[in-house]
Amino acid sequence: TQLLADCETGRRELIAALGIPPERISAVPLGVDLARFHPEPNPAIAAGIRARYGVRPPYLLSVSSIYPWKNYANLLRAFARLDAPQASLVIVGKPMHAETYQELLALRRTLGLEGRALFLIALADGELPQLCRDALLYVYPSYFEGFGLTQLEAMACGAPLVTSGVSVMPEICGDAALYFDPFDVEDMAATITRALTDGP
């Protein structure tokens, strides 16, 4: 029986953790639905996003369900350090870990970001690709991922990408992203600033 992993990083982890013979497991990366995730803008959907959520460029975007390892606390701290007063931060994802979500809301208050950092729990169909297209930057701060499909989706929409330099992220994003240490808020803020200033 041949086993499949969705990335080479995961393949190596399965071999190490379960003792699977290397020849019995292959890496087959996930793909992107290019019918949905592409650079062509949809002005009607963009207008709907502004009307429904009050989201308008310029903004930084991050998309993932909310769990502790997604590292959104450090993203909020890094965002608070940026010299970008006109920009907002939009985090899209269901609060799957309620305690973490409440901690993020409290941290947002402490950092004085309630008017600039927005959590969107649910989107209508077609809105996520347009959010990616209009993003000034897509930021993915996770400590660990099995794959990280939303990064590919953001890139397919033409969003510049800044991401954590650990786990599977370098394999998935290659030289299309700038990388930061997800445990180092200053490095995250500096890398985001570099992307905003120079581009990836």
Protein backbone atom coordinates (compact mmCIF):
# COMPACT_ATOMS: atom_id res chain seq x y z
CA THR A 1 0.00 0.00 0.00
CA GLN A 2 1.33 3.41 -1.01
CA LEU A 3 0.65 6.31 1.37
CA LEU A 4 0.32 9.98 0.41
CA ALA A 5 1.37 13.12 2.26
CA ASP A 6 0.44 16.60 1.08
CA CYS A 7 4.00 17.94 1.31
CA GLU A 8 7.59 16.73 1.63
CA THR A 9 7.82 18.19 5.13
CA GLY A 10 4.86 16.09 6.23
CA ARG A 11 6.30 13.05 4.49
CA ARG A 12 9.53 13.32 6.45
CA GLU A 13 7.63 13.84 9.72
CA LEU A 14 5.51 10.74 9.12
CA ILE A 15 8.58 8.67 8.32
CA ALA A 16 10.29 9.82 11.51
CA ALA A 17 7.24 9.55 13.80
CA LEU A 18 5.72 6.30 12.55
CA GLY A 19 8.70 4.49 11.11
CA ILE A 20 7.11 4.22 7.68
CA PRO A 21 9.60 3.03 5.05
CA PRO A 22 10.44 6.02 2.84
CA GLU A 23 9.56 4.17 -0.36
CA ARG A 24 6.00 3.60 0.90
CA ILE A 25 5.04 7.27 1.20
CA SER A 26 4.96 9.93 -1.50
CA ALA A 27 4.44 13.69 -1.30
CA VAL A 28 1.64 15.07 -3.51
CA PRO A 29 1.15 18.80 -2.79
CA LEU A 30 -2.28 20.36 -2.66
CA GLY A 31 -3.45 22.67 -5.43
CA VAL A 32 -5.47 25.85 -5.72
CA ASP A 33 -8.89 26.32 -7.32
CA LEU A 34 -7.79 28.82 -9.97
CA ALA A 35 -11.37 29.37 -11.06
CA ARG A 36 -11.86 31.16 -7.71
CA PHE A 37 -8.40 32.33 -6.72
CA HIS A 38 -6.95 34.51 -9.47
CA PRO A 39 -5.81 38.15 -9.80
CA GLU A 40 -8.79 39.44 -11.83
CA PRO A 41 -10.73 41.85 -9.55
CA ASN A 42 -14.47 41.82 -8.98
CA PRO A 43 -15.54 45.42 -8.24
CA ALA A 44 -19.05 44.40 -7.16
CA ILE A 45 -17.72 41.99 -4.53
CA ALA A 46 -15.16 44.58 -3.40
CA ALA A 47 -17.97 47.09 -2.87
CA GLY A 48 -19.95 44.49 -0.93
CA ILE A 49 -16.99 43.83 1.35
CA ARG A 50 -16.70 47.53 2.12
CA ALA A 51 -20.42 47.77 2.83
CA ARG A 52 -20.74 44.61 4.94
CA TYR A 53 -17.56 44.74 6.99
CA GLY A 54 -16.15 48.23 6.61
CA VAL A 55 -12.97 46.75 5.12
CA ARG A 56 -11.19 48.91 2.60
CA PRO A 57 -7.56 49.10 1.45
CA PRO A 58 -4.89 49.48 2.60
CA TYR A 59 -4.92 46.42 4.86
CA LEU A 60 -2.82 43.44 5.83
CA LEU A 61 -4.64 40.10 5.60
CA SER A 62 -4.27 36.77 7.36
CA VAL A 63 -6.60 33.79 6.92
CA SER A 64 -6.82 30.78 9.22
CA SER A 65 -9.07 29.29 11.88
CA ILE A 66 -8.07 30.60 15.29
CA TYR A 67 -6.01 28.19 17.40
CA PRO A 68 -3.10 28.94 19.76
CA TRP A 69 -0.42 27.82 17.26
CA LYS A 70 -1.66 30.24 14.61
CA ASN A 71 0.31 32.89 16.51
CA TYR A 72 -2.10 35.77 16.03
CA ALA A 73 -1.06 37.32 19.34
CA ASN A 74 2.42 38.00 17.98
CA LEU A 75 0.92 39.27 14.74
CA LEU A 76 -1.13 41.81 16.69
CA ARG A 77 1.98 42.85 18.63
CA ALA A 78 3.99 43.19 15.43
CA PHE A 79 1.23 45.16 13.72
CA ALA A 80 1.14 47.58 16.67
CA ARG A 81 4.84 48.30 16.06
CA LEU A 82 4.44 49.21 12.38
CA ASP A 83 4.76 52.77 11.17
CA ALA A 84 1.69 52.41 8.96
CA PRO A 85 -1.10 54.42 10.58
CA GLN A 86 -3.38 54.24 7.54
CA ALA A 87 -3.29 50.46 7.29
CA SER A 88 -5.56 48.03 9.07
CA LEU A 89 -5.18 44.33 9.88
CA VAL A 90 -7.88 41.87 8.79
CA ILE A 91 -7.86 38.35 10.28
CA VAL A 92 -10.33 35.92 8.72
CA GLY A 93 -11.13 32.66 10.48
CA LYS A 94 -13.50 30.86 12.80
CA PRO A 95 -12.58 31.03 16.51
CA MET A 96 -12.12 27.29 16.92
CA HIS A 97 -10.37 27.80 20.27
CA ALA A 98 -12.60 30.11 22.30
CA GLU A 99 -10.05 30.94 24.99
CA THR A 100 -7.46 32.00 22.42
CA TYR A 101 -10.02 34.17 20.63
CA GLN A 102 -10.97 35.97 23.85
CA GLU A 103 -7.29 36.49 24.65
CA LEU A 104 -6.80 38.04 21.21
CA LEU A 105 -9.73 40.41 21.71
CA ALA A 106 -8.28 41.45 25.09
CA LEU A 107 -4.82 41.95 23.56
CA ARG A 108 -6.34 44.04 20.77
CA ARG A 109 -7.84 46.33 23.43
CA THR A 110 -4.57 46.51 25.37
CA LEU A 111 -2.64 47.45 22.22
CA GLY A 112 -5.20 50.11 21.27
CA LEU A 113 -6.00 48.37 17.97
CA GLU A 114 -9.78 48.03 18.26
CA GLY A 115 -10.31 50.45 15.39
CA ARG A 116 -7.56 48.96 13.19
CA ALA A 117 -7.55 45.18 13.73
CA LEU A 118 -10.65 43.36 12.53
CA PHE A 119 -11.68 39.74 13.02
CA LEU A 120 -14.03 38.33 10.37
CA ILE A 121 -15.57 35.01 11.40
CA ALA A 122 -17.52 34.18 8.24
CA LEU A 123 -17.53 35.40 4.65
CA ALA A 124 -19.97 35.10 1.79
CA ASP A 125 -18.96 33.05 -1.25
CA GLY A 126 -16.47 34.87 -3.44
CA GLU A 127 -15.40 37.37 -0.80
CA LEU A 128 -12.17 35.67 0.31
CA PRO A 129 -10.48 35.80 -3.12
CA GLN A 130 -11.35 39.48 -3.45
CA LEU A 131 -9.99 40.20 0.04
CA CYS A 132 -6.74 38.57 -1.08
CA ARG A 133 -6.62 40.59 -4.30
CA ASP A 134 -7.05 43.89 -2.48
CA ALA A 135 -4.62 43.12 0.36
CA LEU A 136 -1.55 45.26 0.70
CA LEU A 137 0.19 42.19 2.13
CA TYR A 138 -0.73 38.66 3.16
CA VAL A 139 0.84 37.68 6.50
CA TYR A 140 0.94 34.13 7.85
CA PRO A 141 2.48 33.94 11.36
CA SER A 142 1.82 30.28 12.27
CA TYR A 143 4.22 28.22 14.39
CA PHE A 144 3.24 24.99 12.63
CA GLU A 145 1.19 23.86 9.63
CA GLY A 146 0.39 20.61 7.92
CA PHE A 147 0.31 22.48 4.62
CA GLY A 148 -0.90 26.11 4.68
CA LEU A 149 -3.21 26.24 1.67
CA THR A 150 -4.32 29.83 2.26
CA GLN A 151 -0.82 31.02 1.39
CA LEU A 152 -1.08 29.46 -2.05
CA GLU A 153 -4.55 30.96 -2.48
CA ALA A 154 -3.28 34.43 -1.58
CA MET A 155 -0.37 34.12 -4.03
CA ALA A 156 -2.75 32.97 -6.77
CA CYS A 157 -4.65 36.22 -6.23
CA GLY A 158 -1.47 38.26 -6.57
CA ALA A 159 -1.04 39.19 -2.91
CA PRO A 160 2.55 39.79 -1.73
CA LEU A 161 3.39 37.26 0.99
CA VAL A 162 5.23 37.45 4.31
CA THR A 163 5.23 34.28 6.37
CA SER A 164 6.71 32.32 9.21
CA GLY A 165 10.00 30.67 8.25
CA VAL A 166 9.37 27.39 10.08
CA SER A 167 7.49 24.14 9.50
CA VAL A 168 6.19 23.65 5.95
CA MET A 169 6.04 27.32 4.99
CA PRO A 170 9.41 27.58 3.16
CA GLU A 171 8.57 24.45 1.17
CA ILE A 172 5.17 25.80 0.12
CA CYS A 173 6.17 29.39 -0.61
CA GLY A 174 9.73 29.00 -1.89
CA ASP A 175 11.28 32.27 -3.02
CA ALA A 176 7.87 33.93 -3.46
CA ALA A 177 7.76 35.13 0.17
CA LEU A 178 9.73 36.98 2.80
CA TYR A 179 10.24 34.97 6.01
CA PHE A 180 10.35 35.91 9.69
CA ASP A 181 10.94 34.16 13.00
CA PRO A 182 7.39 33.64 14.37
CA PHE A 183 8.70 33.73 17.95
CA ASP A 184 10.34 37.14 17.46
CA VAL A 185 7.87 40.03 17.32
CA GLU A 186 10.55 42.53 16.33
CA ASP A 187 11.70 40.36 13.43
CA MET A 188 8.10 39.92 12.31
CA ALA A 189 7.51 43.68 12.39
CA ALA A 190 10.78 44.39 10.59
CA THR A 191 10.04 41.85 7.86
CA ILE A 192 6.54 43.21 7.33
CA THR A 193 7.99 46.72 7.14
CA ARG A 194 10.53 45.53 4.57
CA ALA A 195 7.75 44.01 2.47
CA LEU A 196 5.67 47.17 2.68
CA THR A 197 8.67 49.27 1.71
CA ASP A 198 10.52 47.17 -0.84
CA GLY A 199 8.18 44.31 -1.76
CA PRO A 200 9.07 40.61 -1.45
